[in-house]
Amino acid sequence: MNKKLFKTALPILVIGILMMPLFIKFNNCIKYKDINNSDSIQVNFDKKEAANFQKRRERRRQEYEDSLALDEVLKDAVKMANQNIAKNKFIKNFQVSPDSIPVSVEINIDYHFTQTNRHLIIRRMEPSMVYIDIYSKGDSQFEKVVSYEIWALTHVNDTIQDINGDGMKDFVVNWYGSNGCCLKAFSNVFLLRQDQKAFSKSFEFINPTFSPKENIIRGVCYGFPGETEMYKYRWNGENVEIVEYVFYERNTKGKTGKVIVSTARLNEDKFKILKVLNSAPDEYKKIYGYSWFTGLGYE
């Protein structure tokens, strides 16, 4: 090594060796401090996460147990119904309290939907939920064809009536939305199929007025009074087809006084104006929610 270079590097090397323990200690302090803080944070996080996890697990466990308890209530009700399957009519109401949850149970066997086939309807009503199960009569036992559950706070009623005009009675659950600003009466419809035993999927309509003789559903869409549309749908078997939408014409100054009839809602695909009228068609003026459409408010 060049002596001159060695003499220059030696002091730096010595200083580096002398500083190394301090550097290691300083780095260790930083590392230890970081690890210590990290451990502290992690421990606190773990405790909080563990507590939250325990709460979630307990809630899921309780929900699971409640579900199992309600399933047992349903099994017992079906068993009771099967024991009376030979009867044309059978009604039984009782209350049980599985896991301290009060549940009202209604068993009802009858020719609910047709004059040729019997169905069993079981309703379970507990403080927060309503459960409705429908069964058709099989050879030796009842077979489930509809299962529906709804929040008790929103449930209005459920009815049996011909909705689509095919001469057979259908099952309809009516409920009212708990959240939102505007008119929100809903109906979930299960159509009885041609075998007079099974049902279609659920069709959900907002603020509907059913006209079975016409195979038509008219209603008011969701929105502020005077600011939303009316709709007209048509049944086509187990499908629903859009016929038209009706809404007020507007410009930069607001409503023009005219009413537009279109193939779709504004800004939707396939939107096309069918006609412009001086007022809403008469066929809409007697439906539920028409006052909301005009801006006068609730019915």
Protein backbone atom coordinates (compact mmCIF):
# COMPACT_ATOMS: atom_id res chain seq x y z
CA MET A 1 0.00 0.00 0.00
CA ASN A 2 1.23 3.51 -0.73
CA LYS A 3 2.67 4.89 2.53
CA LYS A 4 1.17 8.31 1.93
CA LEU A 5 -2.29 6.81 1.36
CA PHE A 6 -1.89 4.59 4.44
CA LYS A 7 -1.01 7.54 6.60
CA THR A 8 -4.10 9.36 5.33
CA ALA A 9 -6.49 6.42 5.82
CA LEU A 10 -5.16 5.33 9.22
CA PRO A 11 -6.74 8.15 11.28
CA ILE A 12 -10.10 7.60 9.56
CA LEU A 13 -9.89 3.88 10.27
CA VAL A 14 -9.04 4.44 13.90
CA ILE A 15 -11.88 6.93 14.33
CA GLY A 16 -14.24 4.45 12.66
CA ILE A 17 -13.17 1.64 15.00
CA LEU A 18 -13.57 3.86 18.04
CA MET A 19 -17.03 5.02 16.91
CA MET A 20 -18.30 1.53 16.03
CA PRO A 21 -19.54 0.55 19.53
CA LEU A 22 -21.40 3.86 19.81
CA PHE A 23 -22.84 3.40 16.32
CA ILE A 24 -23.92 -0.14 17.11
CA LYS A 25 -25.41 0.98 20.43
CA PHE A 26 -27.23 3.87 18.73
CA ASN A 27 -28.60 1.62 16.06
CA ASN A 28 -29.60 -0.92 18.65
CA CYS A 29 -31.40 1.79 20.59
CA ILE A 30 -33.31 2.83 17.53
CA LYS A 31 -34.07 -0.75 16.67
CA TYR A 32 -35.05 -1.59 20.21
CA LYS A 33 -37.18 1.52 20.43
CA ASP A 34 -38.90 0.74 17.14
CA ILE A 35 -39.46 -2.86 18.12
CA ASN A 36 -40.70 -1.84 21.53
CA ASN A 37 -43.19 0.64 20.06
CA SER A 38 -44.21 -1.84 17.42
CA ASP A 39 -44.74 -4.52 20.02
CA SER A 40 -46.73 -2.13 22.16
CA ILE A 41 -48.90 -1.09 19.24
CA GLN A 42 -49.25 -4.68 18.07
CA VAL A 43 -50.19 -5.88 21.53
CA ASN A 44 -52.85 -3.16 21.84
CA PHE A 45 -54.07 -3.91 18.32
CA ASP A 46 -54.16 -7.63 19.02
CA LYS A 47 -56.15 -7.09 22.21
CA LYS A 48 -58.64 -4.85 20.42
CA GLU A 49 -58.86 -7.18 17.45
CA ALA A 50 -59.27 -10.17 19.73
CA ALA A 51 -62.07 -8.40 21.60
CA ASN A 52 -63.79 -7.47 18.33
CA PHE A 53 -63.34 -10.97 17.01
CA GLN A 54 -64.81 -12.39 20.19
CA LYS A 55 -67.81 -10.08 19.88
CA ARG A 56 -68.30 -11.06 16.22
CA ARG A 57 -67.93 -14.72 17.06
CA GLU A 58 -70.41 -14.41 19.91
CA ARG A 59 -72.85 -12.56 17.67
CA ARG A 60 -72.48 -15.17 14.93
CA ARG A 61 -72.83 -17.93 17.48
CA GLN A 62 -75.99 -16.34 18.85
CA GLU A 63 -77.39 -15.82 15.35
CA TYR A 64 -76.52 -19.40 14.50
CA GLU A 65 -78.15 -20.70 17.65
CA ASP A 66 -81.20 -18.52 17.03
CA SER A 67 -81.34 -19.85 13.47
CA LEU A 68 -81.08 -23.44 14.71
CA ALA A 69 -83.78 -22.78 17.27
CA LEU A 70 -86.08 -21.30 14.63
CA ASP A 71 -85.31 -24.23 12.31
CA GLU A 72 -86.38 -26.59 15.06
CA VAL A 73 -89.61 -24.63 15.48
CA LEU A 74 -90.25 -24.99 11.74
CA LYS A 75 -89.46 -28.72 11.79
CA ASP A 76 -91.89 -29.25 14.64
CA ALA A 77 -94.58 -27.26 12.79
CA VAL A 78 -94.07 -29.27 9.58
CA LYS A 79 -94.21 -32.50 11.58
CA MET A 80 -97.51 -31.41 13.10
CA ALA A 81 -98.84 -30.49 9.66
CA ASN A 82 -97.79 -33.84 8.18
CA GLN A 83 -99.67 -35.58 10.97
CA ASN A 84 -102.79 -33.77 9.72
CA ILE A 85 -102.09 -34.02 5.99
CA ALA A 86 -105.27 -36.01 5.34
CA LYS A 87 -107.45 -33.15 6.52
CA ASN A 88 -108.82 -30.65 4.00
CA LYS A 89 -108.39 -27.87 6.53
CA PHE A 90 -106.25 -27.59 9.60
CA ILE A 91 -105.36 -24.48 11.60
CA LYS A 92 -103.14 -24.36 14.65
CA ASN A 93 -101.76 -21.33 16.49
CA PHE A 94 -99.32 -21.55 19.36
CA GLN A 95 -96.35 -19.83 20.97
CA VAL A 96 -92.93 -21.18 21.88
CA SER A 97 -89.83 -19.59 23.39
CA PRO A 98 -86.66 -21.32 22.19
CA ASP A 99 -83.62 -19.77 23.88
CA SER A 100 -86.00 -17.25 25.51
CA ILE A 101 -87.07 -15.86 22.12
CA PRO A 102 -90.88 -15.58 21.93
CA VAL A 103 -92.10 -17.01 18.62
CA SER A 104 -95.71 -17.07 17.45
CA VAL A 105 -96.43 -19.94 15.07
CA GLU A 106 -99.36 -20.34 12.70
CA ILE A 107 -100.01 -23.57 10.79
CA ASN A 108 -102.68 -23.34 8.09
CA ILE A 109 -103.65 -26.12 5.67
CA ASP A 110 -106.33 -25.25 3.11
CA TYR A 111 -107.15 -24.86 -0.55
CA HIS A 112 -105.51 -21.45 -0.38
CA PHE A 113 -104.65 -21.01 -4.05
CA THR A 114 -106.79 -23.47 -6.02
CA GLN A 115 -109.84 -25.65 -5.48
CA THR A 116 -107.94 -28.80 -6.41
CA ASN A 117 -104.63 -28.64 -4.53
CA ARG A 118 -104.02 -27.95 -0.88
CA HIS A 119 -101.12 -25.89 0.42
CA LEU A 120 -99.63 -25.49 3.87
CA ILE A 121 -98.63 -22.04 5.06
CA ILE A 122 -96.46 -21.73 8.16
CA ARG A 123 -95.77 -18.33 9.66
CA ARG A 124 -93.21 -17.81 12.40
CA MET A 125 -93.22 -14.37 13.97
CA GLU A 126 -90.56 -13.32 16.45
CA PRO A 127 -89.85 -9.79 17.71
CA SER A 128 -87.61 -8.73 14.84
CA MET A 129 -88.48 -10.99 11.91
CA VAL A 130 -91.38 -12.65 10.12
CA TYR A 131 -90.79 -16.00 8.37
CA ILE A 132 -93.26 -17.41 5.85
CA ASP A 133 -92.94 -20.88 4.35
CA ILE A 134 -95.38 -22.40 1.86
CA TYR A 135 -95.61 -26.11 1.10
CA SER A 136 -97.57 -28.04 -1.51
CA LYS A 137 -99.15 -31.39 -0.64
CA GLY A 138 -97.12 -34.35 -1.83
CA ASP A 139 -98.04 -38.02 -1.74
CA SER A 140 -97.16 -38.51 1.90
CA GLN A 141 -95.83 -35.17 3.14
CA PHE A 142 -95.74 -31.46 2.42
CA GLU A 143 -92.98 -30.15 0.13
CA LYS A 144 -91.63 -26.62 0.45
CA VAL A 145 -92.25 -24.32 -2.54
CA VAL A 146 -91.75 -20.81 -1.09
CA SER A 147 -89.58 -19.47 1.71
CA TYR A 148 -89.58 -15.79 2.59
CA GLU A 149 -88.35 -13.72 5.52
CA ILE A 150 -88.81 -10.04 6.22
CA TRP A 151 -88.03 -7.55 8.94
CA ALA A 152 -91.06 -7.28 11.22
CA LEU A 153 -90.80 -3.47 11.27
CA THR A 154 -91.36 -3.25 7.50
CA HIS A 155 -93.90 -6.06 7.08
CA VAL A 156 -97.39 -4.76 6.32
CA ASN A 157 -99.25 -7.95 5.40
CA ASP A 158 -99.28 -10.87 2.99
CA THR A 159 -102.19 -11.68 0.74
CA ILE A 160 -103.47 -14.36 -1.63
CA GLN A 161 -104.94 -13.00 -4.85
CA ASP A 162 -104.75 -13.32 -8.62
CA ILE A 163 -102.11 -10.79 -9.64
CA ASN A 164 -101.41 -11.57 -13.29
CA GLY A 165 -104.92 -12.42 -14.48
CA ASP A 166 -104.40 -16.11 -15.24
CA GLY A 167 -107.29 -17.14 -12.99
CA MET A 168 -105.03 -18.64 -10.31
CA LYS A 169 -104.31 -17.04 -6.97
CA ASP A 170 -100.80 -15.86 -6.24
CA PHE A 171 -98.91 -15.06 -3.06
CA VAL A 172 -98.01 -11.42 -2.32
CA VAL A 173 -95.99 -9.93 0.54
CA ASN A 174 -96.57 -6.21 1.09
CA TRP A 175 -94.04 -4.14 3.01
CA TYR A 176 -92.94 -0.55 3.48
CA GLY A 177 -89.30 0.54 3.30
CA SER A 178 -87.76 1.71 6.57
CA ASN A 179 -85.14 4.01 5.02
CA GLY A 180 -85.38 6.78 2.47
CA CYS A 181 -87.15 10.04 1.85
CA CYS A 182 -90.01 9.09 -0.40
CA LEU A 183 -93.00 6.91 -1.12
CA LYS A 184 -91.76 3.31 -0.86
CA ALA A 185 -94.51 0.70 -0.59
CA PHE A 186 -93.23 -2.59 -1.97
CA SER A 187 -94.89 -5.82 -3.06
CA ASN A 188 -93.09 -9.10 -3.61
CA VAL A 189 -95.12 -11.38 -5.87
CA PHE A 190 -94.85 -15.16 -6.21
CA LEU A 191 -96.92 -16.40 -9.17
CA LEU A 192 -98.61 -19.79 -8.90
CA ARG A 193 -97.39 -21.98 -11.75
CA GLN A 194 -99.54 -24.02 -14.11
CA ASP A 195 -99.02 -27.21 -12.09
CA GLN A 196 -100.91 -25.37 -9.33
CA LYS A 197 -98.31 -26.47 -6.80
CA ALA A 198 -95.06 -24.57 -7.30
CA PHE A 199 -94.42 -20.82 -7.52
CA SER A 200 -92.27 -18.51 -9.59
CA LYS A 201 -89.34 -16.51 -8.35
CA SER A 202 -90.14 -13.32 -6.47
CA PHE A 203 -91.05 -10.19 -8.47
CA GLU A 204 -90.57 -6.96 -6.52
CA PHE A 205 -92.53 -3.81 -7.40
CA ILE A 206 -92.45 -0.36 -5.81
CA ASN A 207 -95.71 1.49 -5.17
CA PRO A 208 -97.66 -0.84 -7.46
CA THR A 209 -101.30 -0.98 -8.47
CA PHE A 210 -102.13 -4.35 -10.01
CA SER A 211 -104.73 -4.73 -12.75
CA PRO A 212 -105.17 -8.49 -13.31
CA LYS A 213 -107.87 -8.06 -15.96
CA GLU A 214 -105.37 -6.17 -18.11
CA ASN A 215 -102.29 -8.22 -17.10
CA ILE A 216 -100.85 -4.81 -16.18
CA ILE A 217 -98.94 -3.27 -13.27
CA ARG A 218 -98.89 0.50 -12.88
CA GLY A 219 -96.97 2.36 -10.24
CA VAL A 220 -94.88 5.32 -9.14
CA CYS A 221 -91.09 5.15 -9.10
CA TYR A 222 -88.96 6.21 -6.15
CA GLY A 223 -88.27 9.93 -5.94
CA PHE A 224 -89.38 13.25 -4.51
CA PRO A 225 -93.03 14.28 -4.99
CA GLY A 226 -93.58 15.82 -8.39
CA GLU A 227 -90.07 14.80 -9.46
CA THR A 228 -90.37 11.09 -10.24
CA GLU A 229 -91.93 8.92 -12.95
CA MET A 230 -94.85 6.54 -13.21
CA TYR A 231 -94.42 3.16 -14.86
CA LYS A 232 -96.52 0.62 -16.71
CA TYR A 233 -95.45 -3.02 -16.97
CA ARG A 234 -97.11 -6.03 -18.58
CA TRP A 235 -97.04 -9.67 -17.53
CA ASN A 236 -95.76 -12.12 -20.11
CA GLY A 237 -95.89 -15.51 -18.45
CA GLU A 238 -93.25 -15.47 -15.73
CA ASN A 239 -91.67 -12.33 -17.15
CA VAL A 240 -92.44 -8.64 -16.85
CA GLU A 241 -92.14 -6.34 -19.86
CA ILE A 242 -91.82 -2.56 -19.77
CA VAL A 243 -94.67 -0.85 -21.59
CA GLU A 244 -93.93 2.81 -20.84
CA TYR A 245 -92.85 5.48 -18.38
CA VAL A 246 -94.67 8.75 -17.74
CA PHE A 247 -93.03 11.94 -16.40
CA TYR A 248 -93.28 15.70 -16.54
CA GLU A 249 -91.45 17.53 -19.29
CA ARG A 250 -88.90 20.02 -17.96
CA ASN A 251 -86.65 22.72 -19.29
CA THR A 252 -84.23 25.13 -17.63
CA LYS A 253 -87.15 26.91 -15.96
CA GLY A 254 -88.73 23.74 -14.56
CA LYS A 255 -91.92 21.93 -15.58
CA THR A 256 -93.42 22.95 -18.90
CA GLY A 257 -96.90 21.61 -18.08
CA LYS A 258 -96.51 18.82 -20.61
CA VAL A 259 -96.24 15.10 -19.84
CA ILE A 260 -93.90 12.77 -21.70
CA VAL A 261 -94.62 9.11 -22.35
CA SER A 262 -91.46 7.15 -23.17
CA THR A 263 -90.06 3.66 -23.62
CA ALA A 264 -87.59 4.00 -20.73
CA ARG A 265 -86.58 6.38 -17.96
CA LEU A 266 -84.47 9.42 -18.80
CA ASN A 267 -80.80 8.63 -19.48
CA GLU A 268 -81.50 4.90 -19.74
CA ASP A 269 -80.76 2.73 -22.75
CA LYS A 270 -83.54 2.42 -25.31
CA PHE A 271 -85.03 5.75 -24.20
CA LYS A 272 -87.44 7.01 -26.83
CA ILE A 273 -90.28 9.51 -26.56
CA LEU A 274 -93.55 7.94 -27.61
CA LYS A 275 -95.76 11.00 -27.21
CA VAL A 276 -96.12 14.34 -25.47
CA LEU A 277 -99.44 15.06 -23.72
CA ASN A 278 -101.06 17.98 -21.96
CA SER A 279 -101.72 15.87 -18.84
CA ALA A 280 -101.12 12.40 -17.48
CA PRO A 281 -103.17 9.62 -19.15
CA ASP A 282 -106.45 8.92 -17.35
CA GLU A 283 -105.47 5.29 -16.70
CA TYR A 284 -102.90 6.49 -14.14
CA LYS A 285 -105.08 8.91 -12.22
CA LYS A 286 -106.60 6.34 -9.87
CA ILE A 287 -103.47 4.38 -9.00
CA TYR A 288 -101.79 4.36 -5.61
CA GLY A 289 -99.26 7.19 -5.46
CA TYR A 290 -100.71 9.42 -8.19
CA SER A 291 -100.83 12.38 -5.77
CA TRP A 292 -97.14 11.78 -5.09
CA PHE A 293 -96.43 11.90 -8.82
CA THR A 294 -98.24 15.22 -9.20
CA GLY A 295 -96.41 16.71 -6.22
CA LEU A 296 -99.32 16.87 -3.78
CA GLY A 297 -97.61 14.38 -1.44
CA TYR A 298 -98.85 11.26 0.28
CA GLU A 299 -102.18 9.64 -0.52
